[in-house]
């Protein structure tokens, strides 16, 4: 399950995993260690490789560091390609909700509402989503037509309605 931040990856991935009775791995939860410390690349790949060694799984996330571990064992890439305005709206609402509730995300990490005022896209998830939107779309379009990925079924969903309809047709 891939897509920009705020596209609904986690929600759809969890629903699909429930339907398939398969484990669901949220890559952000593996990568972001306590105090937002990134997991070293080799350890990140090793942890993900353990999951994808199994017969069924759903992965949620866009980390190029593990693409060569995940994609060769995948059969389908579900790409949530929602309009930028919708993605930004969702990211803002989600960030504010998490910040006000002091919601723990992964490994004790919490979103800091002050980060949405910063100009560093590495800490401002709204700015990250805005600036990555076009480039991400270009990279995913290229990946979906790359002969190296011919074994993959790319499903491009451009709205929440399409996502729900696709999930309704998915079968275990």
N, C-alpha and C. Protein backbone atom coordinates (compact mmCIF):
# COMPACT_ATOMS: atom_id res chain seq x y z
N UNK A 1 0.86 -1.16 0.00
CA UNK A 1 0.00 0.00 0.00
C UNK A 1 0.91 1.22 0.00
N UNK A 2 0.87 1.99 -1.06
CA UNK A 2 1.73 3.16 -1.17
C UNK A 2 0.88 4.39 -1.47
N UNK A 3 1.44 5.55 -1.20
CA UNK A 3 0.76 6.81 -1.45
C UNK A 3 1.34 7.88 -0.56
N UNK A 4 0.99 9.11 -0.87
CA UNK A 4 1.47 10.25 -0.10
C UNK A 4 0.94 10.18 1.33
N UNK A 5 1.60 10.87 2.23
CA UNK A 5 1.10 10.99 3.60
C UNK A 5 -0.30 11.59 3.55
N UNK A 6 -1.22 10.98 4.27
CA UNK A 6 -2.59 11.47 4.30
C UNK A 6 -3.49 10.89 3.23
N UNK A 7 -2.99 9.95 2.45
CA UNK A 7 -3.80 9.37 1.37
C UNK A 7 -4.72 8.26 1.85
N UNK A 8 -4.49 7.77 3.06
CA UNK A 8 -5.33 6.70 3.60
C UNK A 8 -4.69 5.32 3.56
N UNK A 9 -3.38 5.28 3.41
CA UNK A 9 -2.67 4.00 3.33
C UNK A 9 -2.93 3.10 4.53
N UNK A 10 -2.74 3.63 5.71
CA UNK A 10 -2.86 2.82 6.92
C UNK A 10 -4.27 2.29 7.09
N UNK A 11 -5.25 3.12 6.87
CA UNK A 11 -6.65 2.70 7.01
C UNK A 11 -6.98 1.59 6.03
N UNK A 12 -6.61 1.78 4.76
CA UNK A 12 -6.92 0.76 3.76
C UNK A 12 -6.09 -0.50 3.97
N UNK A 13 -4.83 -0.34 4.34
CA UNK A 13 -3.97 -1.51 4.58
C UNK A 13 -4.52 -2.37 5.72
N UNK A 14 -4.95 -1.74 6.79
CA UNK A 14 -5.51 -2.50 7.91
C UNK A 14 -6.79 -3.22 7.52
N UNK A 15 -7.63 -2.54 6.76
CA UNK A 15 -8.89 -3.17 6.31
C UNK A 15 -8.59 -4.36 5.39
N UNK A 16 -7.63 -4.20 4.50
CA UNK A 16 -7.27 -5.29 3.60
C UNK A 16 -6.67 -6.45 4.37
N UNK A 17 -5.79 -6.15 5.31
CA UNK A 17 -5.17 -7.21 6.11
C UNK A 17 -6.23 -7.98 6.90
N UNK A 18 -7.21 -7.28 7.45
CA UNK A 18 -8.30 -7.96 8.16
C UNK A 18 -9.06 -8.88 7.22
N UNK A 19 -9.36 -8.39 6.03
CA UNK A 19 -10.09 -9.19 5.04
C UNK A 19 -9.30 -10.44 4.65
N UNK A 20 -7.99 -10.26 4.46
CA UNK A 20 -7.14 -11.38 4.03
C UNK A 20 -6.67 -12.25 5.19
N UNK A 21 -6.95 -11.80 6.40
CA UNK A 21 -6.43 -12.47 7.60
C UNK A 21 -4.91 -12.61 7.50
N UNK A 22 -4.30 -11.48 7.20
CA UNK A 22 -2.85 -11.43 7.00
C UNK A 22 -2.25 -10.39 7.93
N UNK A 23 -0.98 -10.54 8.29
CA UNK A 23 -0.35 -9.50 9.11
C UNK A 23 -0.20 -8.21 8.31
N UNK A 24 -0.32 -7.10 9.01
CA UNK A 24 -0.17 -5.78 8.39
C UNK A 24 1.02 -5.09 9.06
N UNK A 25 1.95 -4.63 8.26
CA UNK A 25 3.13 -3.96 8.77
C UNK A 25 3.12 -2.51 8.31
N UNK A 26 3.09 -1.59 9.26
CA UNK A 26 3.18 -0.17 8.98
C UNK A 26 4.66 0.21 9.04
N UNK A 27 5.24 0.52 7.90
CA UNK A 27 6.68 0.77 7.84
C UNK A 27 7.12 1.92 8.73
N UNK A 28 6.29 2.94 8.89
CA UNK A 28 6.65 4.04 9.79
C UNK A 28 6.91 3.54 11.20
N UNK A 29 6.13 2.56 11.64
CA UNK A 29 6.27 2.01 12.98
C UNK A 29 7.55 1.23 13.18
N UNK A 30 8.11 0.72 12.11
CA UNK A 30 9.39 0.02 12.18
C UNK A 30 10.54 1.02 12.08
N UNK A 31 10.42 1.96 11.16
CA UNK A 31 11.50 2.90 10.89
C UNK A 31 11.73 3.90 12.02
N UNK A 32 10.64 4.46 12.57
CA UNK A 32 10.75 5.50 13.59
C UNK A 32 10.88 4.88 14.97
N UNK A 33 12.09 4.83 15.46
CA UNK A 33 12.38 4.29 16.78
C UNK A 33 12.13 5.39 17.83
N UNK A 34 12.28 5.09 19.13
CA UNK A 34 12.05 6.12 20.15
C UNK A 34 12.80 7.42 19.84
N UNK A 35 12.16 8.53 20.18
CA UNK A 35 12.70 9.88 19.93
C UNK A 35 12.89 10.14 18.44
N UNK A 36 12.08 9.50 17.62
CA UNK A 36 12.11 9.67 16.16
C UNK A 36 13.46 9.28 15.56
N UNK A 37 14.19 8.42 16.25
CA UNK A 37 15.48 7.97 15.74
C UNK A 37 15.24 6.97 14.61
N UNK A 38 15.83 7.20 13.43
CA UNK A 38 15.63 6.26 12.34
C UNK A 38 16.35 4.94 12.59
N UNK A 39 15.70 3.86 12.24
CA UNK A 39 16.32 2.54 12.35
C UNK A 39 17.39 2.44 11.26
N UNK A 40 18.58 1.94 11.60
CA UNK A 40 19.61 1.79 10.57
C UNK A 40 19.09 0.95 9.39
N UNK A 41 19.52 1.31 8.19
CA UNK A 41 19.00 0.71 6.96
C UNK A 41 19.06 -0.81 6.95
N UNK A 42 20.18 -1.39 7.36
CA UNK A 42 20.30 -2.85 7.32
C UNK A 42 19.31 -3.53 8.26
N UNK A 43 19.15 -2.96 9.45
CA UNK A 43 18.19 -3.53 10.40
C UNK A 43 16.75 -3.35 9.90
N UNK A 44 16.49 -2.21 9.29
CA UNK A 44 15.17 -1.95 8.72
C UNK A 44 14.85 -3.01 7.67
N UNK A 45 15.77 -3.23 6.75
CA UNK A 45 15.55 -4.24 5.71
C UNK A 45 15.37 -5.64 6.31
N UNK A 46 16.16 -5.95 7.33
CA UNK A 46 16.07 -7.29 7.95
C UNK A 46 14.71 -7.50 8.61
N UNK A 47 14.21 -6.48 9.30
CA UNK A 47 12.90 -6.63 9.95
C UNK A 47 11.78 -6.80 8.94
N UNK A 48 11.86 -6.02 7.87
CA UNK A 48 10.83 -6.12 6.83
C UNK A 48 10.93 -7.47 6.11
N UNK A 49 12.15 -7.93 5.88
CA UNK A 49 12.35 -9.23 5.21
C UNK A 49 11.71 -10.36 6.00
N UNK A 50 11.74 -10.27 7.31
CA UNK A 50 11.11 -11.30 8.15
C UNK A 50 9.62 -11.39 7.88
N UNK A 51 8.97 -10.25 7.74
CA UNK A 51 7.53 -10.23 7.47
C UNK A 51 7.23 -10.77 6.07
N UNK A 52 7.95 -10.27 5.07
CA UNK A 52 7.62 -10.66 3.70
C UNK A 52 8.06 -12.09 3.37
N UNK A 53 8.76 -12.74 4.28
CA UNK A 53 9.09 -14.15 4.08
C UNK A 53 7.86 -15.03 4.26
N UNK A 54 6.84 -14.49 4.92
CA UNK A 54 5.61 -15.23 5.14
C UNK A 54 4.76 -15.32 3.88
N UNK A 55 3.74 -16.17 3.92
CA UNK A 55 2.92 -16.39 2.73
C UNK A 55 1.94 -15.26 2.40
N UNK A 56 1.49 -14.53 3.42
CA UNK A 56 0.52 -13.44 3.21
C UNK A 56 0.88 -12.29 4.11
N UNK A 57 0.79 -11.09 3.57
CA UNK A 57 1.08 -9.90 4.35
C UNK A 57 0.60 -8.68 3.58
N UNK A 58 0.44 -7.59 4.33
CA UNK A 58 0.12 -6.30 3.74
C UNK A 58 1.11 -5.31 4.33
N UNK A 59 1.78 -4.57 3.46
CA UNK A 59 2.77 -3.58 3.88
C UNK A 59 2.21 -2.20 3.57
N UNK A 60 2.35 -1.29 4.52
CA UNK A 60 1.87 0.09 4.38
C UNK A 60 3.08 1.01 4.47
N UNK A 61 3.45 1.65 3.36
CA UNK A 61 4.54 2.61 3.42
C UNK A 61 5.31 2.74 2.12
N UNK A 62 6.14 3.77 2.08
CA UNK A 62 6.84 4.18 0.86
C UNK A 62 8.35 4.30 1.04
N UNK A 63 8.99 3.37 1.62
CA UNK A 63 10.42 3.51 1.88
C UNK A 63 11.24 2.85 0.78
N UNK A 64 11.99 3.66 0.04
CA UNK A 64 12.83 3.10 -1.02
C UNK A 64 13.87 2.15 -0.45
N UNK A 65 14.25 2.33 0.79
CA UNK A 65 15.26 1.47 1.43
C UNK A 65 14.83 0.01 1.50
N UNK A 66 13.52 -0.24 1.47
CA UNK A 66 13.05 -1.63 1.55
C UNK A 66 12.30 -2.08 0.30
N UNK A 67 12.24 -1.24 -0.69
CA UNK A 67 11.52 -1.61 -1.91
C UNK A 67 12.06 -2.90 -2.52
N UNK A 68 13.39 -3.03 -2.56
CA UNK A 68 13.99 -4.23 -3.17
C UNK A 68 13.75 -5.48 -2.32
N UNK A 69 13.33 -5.31 -1.09
CA UNK A 69 12.97 -6.44 -0.22
C UNK A 69 11.49 -6.81 -0.43
N UNK A 70 10.65 -5.80 -0.55
CA UNK A 70 9.20 -6.02 -0.60
C UNK A 70 8.69 -6.34 -2.00
N UNK A 71 9.00 -5.51 -2.96
CA UNK A 71 8.37 -5.62 -4.28
C UNK A 71 8.62 -6.95 -4.99
N UNK A 72 9.81 -7.54 -4.91
CA UNK A 72 9.98 -8.84 -5.58
C UNK A 72 9.07 -9.94 -5.03
N UNK A 73 8.65 -9.81 -3.78
CA UNK A 73 7.79 -10.84 -3.15
C UNK A 73 6.30 -10.46 -3.20
N UNK A 74 6.02 -9.26 -3.66
CA UNK A 74 4.63 -8.79 -3.73
C UNK A 74 3.97 -9.26 -5.02
N UNK A 75 2.64 -9.28 -5.01
CA UNK A 75 1.92 -9.53 -6.25
C UNK A 75 1.11 -8.31 -6.69
N UNK A 76 0.83 -7.42 -5.75
CA UNK A 76 0.01 -6.24 -6.04
C UNK A 76 0.57 -5.03 -5.30
N UNK A 77 0.59 -3.90 -5.99
CA UNK A 77 0.92 -2.62 -5.37
C UNK A 77 -0.34 -1.76 -5.47
N UNK A 78 -0.90 -1.41 -4.34
CA UNK A 78 -2.06 -0.53 -4.31
C UNK A 78 -1.54 0.88 -4.07
N UNK A 79 -1.76 1.73 -5.06
CA UNK A 79 -1.26 3.10 -5.03
C UNK A 79 -2.43 4.05 -4.80
N UNK A 80 -2.43 4.70 -3.65
CA UNK A 80 -3.45 5.69 -3.33
C UNK A 80 -2.96 7.04 -3.85
N UNK A 81 -3.55 7.49 -4.94
CA UNK A 81 -3.11 8.70 -5.64
C UNK A 81 -4.23 9.74 -5.59
N UNK A 82 -4.47 10.25 -4.41
CA UNK A 82 -5.54 11.22 -4.21
C UNK A 82 -5.09 12.63 -4.58
N UNK A 83 -6.03 13.52 -4.86
CA UNK A 83 -5.68 14.90 -5.18
C UNK A 83 -4.92 15.56 -4.02
N UNK A 84 -4.01 16.45 -4.38
CA UNK A 84 -3.19 17.13 -3.38
C UNK A 84 -4.04 17.81 -2.31
N UNK A 85 -5.08 18.52 -2.70
CA UNK A 85 -5.91 19.24 -1.72
C UNK A 85 -6.51 18.28 -0.70
N UNK A 86 -6.94 17.13 -1.15
CA UNK A 86 -7.54 16.15 -0.24
C UNK A 86 -6.49 15.59 0.72
N UNK A 87 -5.32 15.31 0.19
CA UNK A 87 -4.22 14.77 1.01
C UNK A 87 -3.82 15.79 2.07
N UNK A 88 -3.65 17.04 1.67
CA UNK A 88 -3.23 18.08 2.62
C UNK A 88 -4.30 18.28 3.69
N UNK A 89 -5.55 18.30 3.29
CA UNK A 89 -6.64 18.44 4.26
C UNK A 89 -6.59 17.32 5.29
N UNK A 90 -6.40 16.09 4.82
CA UNK A 90 -6.34 14.94 5.73
C UNK A 90 -5.12 15.03 6.64
N UNK A 91 -3.98 15.42 6.11
CA UNK A 91 -2.76 15.51 6.92
C UNK A 91 -2.93 16.56 8.01
N UNK A 92 -3.50 17.70 7.66
CA UNK A 92 -3.70 18.76 8.66
C UNK A 92 -4.64 18.27 9.76
N UNK A 93 -5.79 17.70 9.37
CA UNK A 93 -6.75 17.21 10.38
C UNK A 93 -6.12 16.14 11.27
N UNK A 94 -5.43 15.20 10.65
CA UNK A 94 -4.81 14.10 11.41
C UNK A 94 -3.74 14.63 12.35
N UNK A 95 -2.91 15.54 11.88
CA UNK A 95 -1.83 16.08 12.70
C UNK A 95 -2.37 16.85 13.89
N UNK A 96 -3.38 17.67 13.66
CA UNK A 96 -3.98 18.44 14.76
C UNK A 96 -4.63 17.48 15.76
N UNK A 97 -5.37 16.50 15.27
CA UNK A 97 -6.03 15.53 16.17
C UNK A 97 -4.99 14.79 17.01
N UNK A 98 -3.95 14.30 16.37
CA UNK A 98 -2.91 13.57 17.11
C UNK A 98 -2.21 14.48 18.11
N UNK A 99 -1.93 15.70 17.69
CA UNK A 99 -1.23 16.63 18.58
C UNK A 99 -2.05 17.01 19.79
N UNK A 100 -3.32 17.31 19.58
CA UNK A 100 -4.19 17.69 20.69
C UNK A 100 -4.44 16.53 21.65
N UNK A 101 -4.48 15.33 21.13
CA UNK A 101 -4.71 14.15 21.97
C UNK A 101 -3.42 13.57 22.54
N UNK A 102 -2.30 14.13 22.13
CA UNK A 102 -0.99 13.59 22.55
C UNK A 102 -0.92 12.09 22.25
N UNK A 103 -1.42 11.74 21.08
CA UNK A 103 -1.52 10.34 20.68
C UNK A 103 -0.14 9.76 20.37
N UNK A 104 0.13 8.61 20.98
CA UNK A 104 1.38 7.92 20.67
C UNK A 104 1.23 7.26 19.30
N UNK A 105 2.24 7.46 18.47
CA UNK A 105 2.21 6.87 17.14
C UNK A 105 2.96 5.55 17.13
N UNK A 106 4.26 5.61 17.29
CA UNK A 106 5.09 4.40 17.29
C UNK A 106 6.22 4.61 18.28
N UNK A 107 6.48 3.60 19.06
CA UNK A 107 7.65 3.57 19.93
C UNK A 107 7.77 4.80 20.83
N UNK A 108 6.65 5.27 21.33
CA UNK A 108 6.64 6.42 22.23
C UNK A 108 6.64 7.77 21.54
N UNK A 109 6.70 7.80 20.23
CA UNK A 109 6.75 9.07 19.49
C UNK A 109 5.36 9.69 19.38
N UNK A 110 5.35 11.01 19.45
CA UNK A 110 4.12 11.78 19.31
C UNK A 110 4.38 12.95 18.37
N UNK A 111 3.34 13.35 17.65
CA UNK A 111 3.49 14.51 16.77
C UNK A 111 3.48 15.78 17.60
N UNK A 112 4.35 16.70 17.24
CA UNK A 112 4.45 17.99 17.91
C UNK A 112 3.77 19.02 17.00
N UNK A 113 2.69 19.62 17.48
CA UNK A 113 1.95 20.58 16.66
C UNK A 113 2.82 21.75 16.20
N UNK A 114 3.85 22.07 16.95
CA UNK A 114 4.73 23.17 16.55
C UNK A 114 5.44 22.88 15.24
N UNK A 115 5.57 21.60 14.91
CA UNK A 115 6.28 21.24 13.68
C UNK A 115 5.57 21.74 12.42
N UNK A 116 4.25 21.94 12.48
CA UNK A 116 3.55 22.42 11.29
C UNK A 116 3.88 23.88 10.99
N UNK A 117 4.55 24.55 11.91
CA UNK A 117 4.97 25.93 11.68
C UNK A 117 6.41 26.02 11.17
N UNK A 118 7.09 24.91 11.14
CA UNK A 118 8.50 24.90 10.71
C UNK A 118 8.60 24.79 9.20
N UNK A 119 9.71 25.29 8.69
CA UNK A 119 9.94 25.27 7.24
C UNK A 119 10.77 24.08 6.79
N UNK A 120 11.11 23.22 7.72
CA UNK A 120 11.89 22.03 7.41
C UNK A 120 10.92 20.90 7.10
N UNK A 121 10.89 20.47 5.85
CA UNK A 121 9.92 19.45 5.45
C UNK A 121 10.19 18.10 6.10
N UNK A 122 11.38 17.91 6.66
CA UNK A 122 11.66 16.65 7.34
C UNK A 122 10.96 16.55 8.69
N UNK A 123 10.50 17.67 9.24
CA UNK A 123 9.75 17.64 10.50
C UNK A 123 8.31 18.14 10.34
N UNK A 124 8.03 18.84 9.26
CA UNK A 124 6.69 19.37 9.00
C UNK A 124 5.98 18.44 8.01
N UNK A 125 5.12 17.58 8.52
CA UNK A 125 4.47 16.57 7.68
C UNK A 125 3.57 17.21 6.63
N UNK A 126 3.00 18.37 6.91
CA UNK A 126 2.16 19.05 5.92
C UNK A 126 3.02 19.52 4.75
N UNK A 127 4.15 20.14 5.06
CA UNK A 127 5.08 20.58 4.02
C UNK A 127 5.65 19.39 3.27
N UNK A 128 5.95 18.32 3.99
CA UNK A 128 6.44 17.09 3.36
C UNK A 128 5.44 16.58 2.32
N UNK A 129 4.18 16.50 2.70
CA UNK A 129 3.15 16.00 1.79
C UNK A 129 2.98 16.91 0.59
N UNK A 130 3.00 18.21 0.83
CA UNK A 130 2.83 19.18 -0.25
C UNK A 130 3.97 19.07 -1.26
N UNK A 131 5.20 19.09 -0.77
CA UNK A 131 6.36 19.12 -1.68
C UNK A 131 6.63 17.79 -2.35
N UNK A 132 6.20 16.69 -1.76
CA UNK A 132 6.46 15.38 -2.36
C UNK A 132 5.37 14.92 -3.33
N UNK A 133 4.25 15.59 -3.35
CA UNK A 133 3.10 15.09 -4.10
C UNK A 133 3.40 14.84 -5.59
N UNK A 134 3.88 15.85 -6.28
CA UNK A 134 4.12 15.72 -7.71
C UNK A 134 5.24 14.74 -8.00
N UNK A 135 6.35 14.85 -7.28
CA UNK A 135 7.47 13.94 -7.50
C UNK A 135 7.11 12.50 -7.21
N UNK A 136 6.32 12.30 -6.17
CA UNK A 136 5.91 10.94 -5.84
C UNK A 136 5.05 10.36 -6.96
N UNK A 137 4.15 11.16 -7.47
CA UNK A 137 3.29 10.71 -8.57
C UNK A 137 4.14 10.33 -9.79
N UNK A 138 5.15 11.13 -10.08
CA UNK A 138 6.03 10.83 -11.21
C UNK A 138 6.80 9.52 -10.98
N UNK A 139 7.32 9.34 -9.78
CA UNK A 139 8.08 8.12 -9.48
C UNK A 139 7.19 6.88 -9.54
N UNK A 140 5.98 6.98 -9.02
CA UNK A 140 5.09 5.82 -9.04
C UNK A 140 4.60 5.51 -10.45
N UNK A 141 4.36 6.53 -11.25
CA UNK A 141 3.97 6.30 -12.64
C UNK A 141 5.09 5.56 -13.36
N UNK A 142 6.32 6.01 -13.15
CA UNK A 142 7.47 5.34 -13.78
C UNK A 142 7.61 3.90 -13.28
N UNK A 143 7.46 3.70 -12.00
CA UNK A 143 7.60 2.35 -11.43
C UNK A 143 6.53 1.42 -11.98
N UNK A 144 5.33 1.93 -12.16
CA UNK A 144 4.23 1.08 -12.62
C UNK A 144 4.40 0.63 -14.06
N UNK A 145 5.23 1.32 -14.83
CA UNK A 145 5.46 0.94 -16.22
C UNK A 145 6.84 0.33 -16.44
N UNK A 146 7.61 0.20 -15.38
CA UNK A 146 8.96 -0.35 -15.47
C UNK A 146 8.88 -1.86 -15.71
N UNK A 147 9.53 -2.37 -16.76
CA UNK A 147 9.50 -3.82 -17.02
C UNK A 147 10.01 -4.66 -15.85
N UNK A 148 10.86 -4.09 -15.01
CA UNK A 148 11.35 -4.83 -13.84
C UNK A 148 10.22 -5.17 -12.87
N UNK A 149 9.10 -4.46 -12.98
CA UNK A 149 7.96 -4.69 -12.09
C UNK A 149 6.78 -5.32 -12.83
N UNK A 150 7.07 -5.98 -13.94
CA UNK A 150 6.00 -6.57 -14.76
C UNK A 150 5.20 -7.62 -14.01
N UNK A 151 5.78 -8.23 -12.99
CA UNK A 151 5.07 -9.26 -12.21
C UNK A 151 4.03 -8.67 -11.27
N UNK A 152 4.05 -7.36 -11.10
CA UNK A 152 3.15 -6.70 -10.15
C UNK A 152 1.89 -6.19 -10.83
N UNK A 153 0.79 -6.32 -10.13
CA UNK A 153 -0.46 -5.71 -10.54
C UNK A 153 -0.53 -4.37 -9.82
N UNK A 154 -0.44 -3.27 -10.57
CA UNK A 154 -0.54 -1.94 -9.97
C UNK A 154 -2.00 -1.51 -10.00
N UNK A 155 -2.52 -1.18 -8.83
CA UNK A 155 -3.89 -0.69 -8.69
C UNK A 155 -3.79 0.76 -8.25
N UNK A 156 -4.19 1.67 -9.12
CA UNK A 156 -4.12 3.10 -8.82
C UNK A 156 -5.51 3.60 -8.44
N UNK A 157 -5.64 4.02 -7.19
CA UNK A 157 -6.92 4.49 -6.67
C UNK A 157 -6.83 5.99 -6.46
N UNK A 158 -7.75 6.74 -7.07
CA UNK A 158 -7.66 8.20 -7.07
C UNK A 158 -8.68 8.89 -6.17
N UNK A 159 -9.44 8.11 -5.40
CA UNK A 159 -10.41 8.72 -4.49
C UNK A 159 -10.74 7.73 -3.37
N UNK A 160 -11.32 8.23 -2.32
CA UNK A 160 -11.75 7.36 -1.22
C UNK A 160 -12.85 6.41 -1.73
N UNK A 161 -13.71 6.92 -2.59
CA UNK A 161 -14.77 6.08 -3.15
C UNK A 161 -14.17 4.91 -3.93
N UNK A 162 -13.17 5.18 -4.76
CA UNK A 162 -12.51 4.09 -5.50
C UNK A 162 -11.85 3.11 -4.53
N UNK A 163 -11.27 3.63 -3.46
CA UNK A 163 -10.62 2.76 -2.47
C UNK A 163 -11.63 1.82 -1.83
N UNK A 164 -12.78 2.36 -1.43
CA UNK A 164 -13.82 1.52 -0.82
C UNK A 164 -14.34 0.48 -1.81
N UNK A 165 -14.55 0.91 -3.05
CA UNK A 165 -15.06 -0.01 -4.07
C UNK A 165 -14.04 -1.11 -4.34
N UNK A 166 -12.77 -0.75 -4.40
CA UNK A 166 -11.74 -1.76 -4.64
C UNK A 166 -11.70 -2.76 -3.49
N UNK A 167 -11.76 -2.27 -2.27
CA UNK A 167 -11.73 -3.15 -1.11
C UNK A 167 -12.93 -4.10 -1.12
N UNK A 168 -14.08 -3.60 -1.55
CA UNK A 168 -15.28 -4.44 -1.61
C UNK A 168 -15.12 -5.59 -2.60
N UNK A 169 -14.25 -5.42 -3.59
CA UNK A 169 -14.05 -6.48 -4.59
C UNK A 169 -12.87 -7.38 -4.25
N UNK A 170 -12.06 -6.99 -3.28
CA UNK A 170 -10.91 -7.81 -2.90
C UNK A 170 -11.41 -9.08 -2.22
N UNK A 171 -10.72 -10.16 -2.48
CA UNK A 171 -11.14 -11.42 -1.85
C UNK A 171 -9.94 -12.12 -1.24
N UNK A 172 -10.20 -12.90 -0.19
CA UNK A 172 -9.11 -13.60 0.49
C UNK A 172 -8.43 -14.65 -0.38
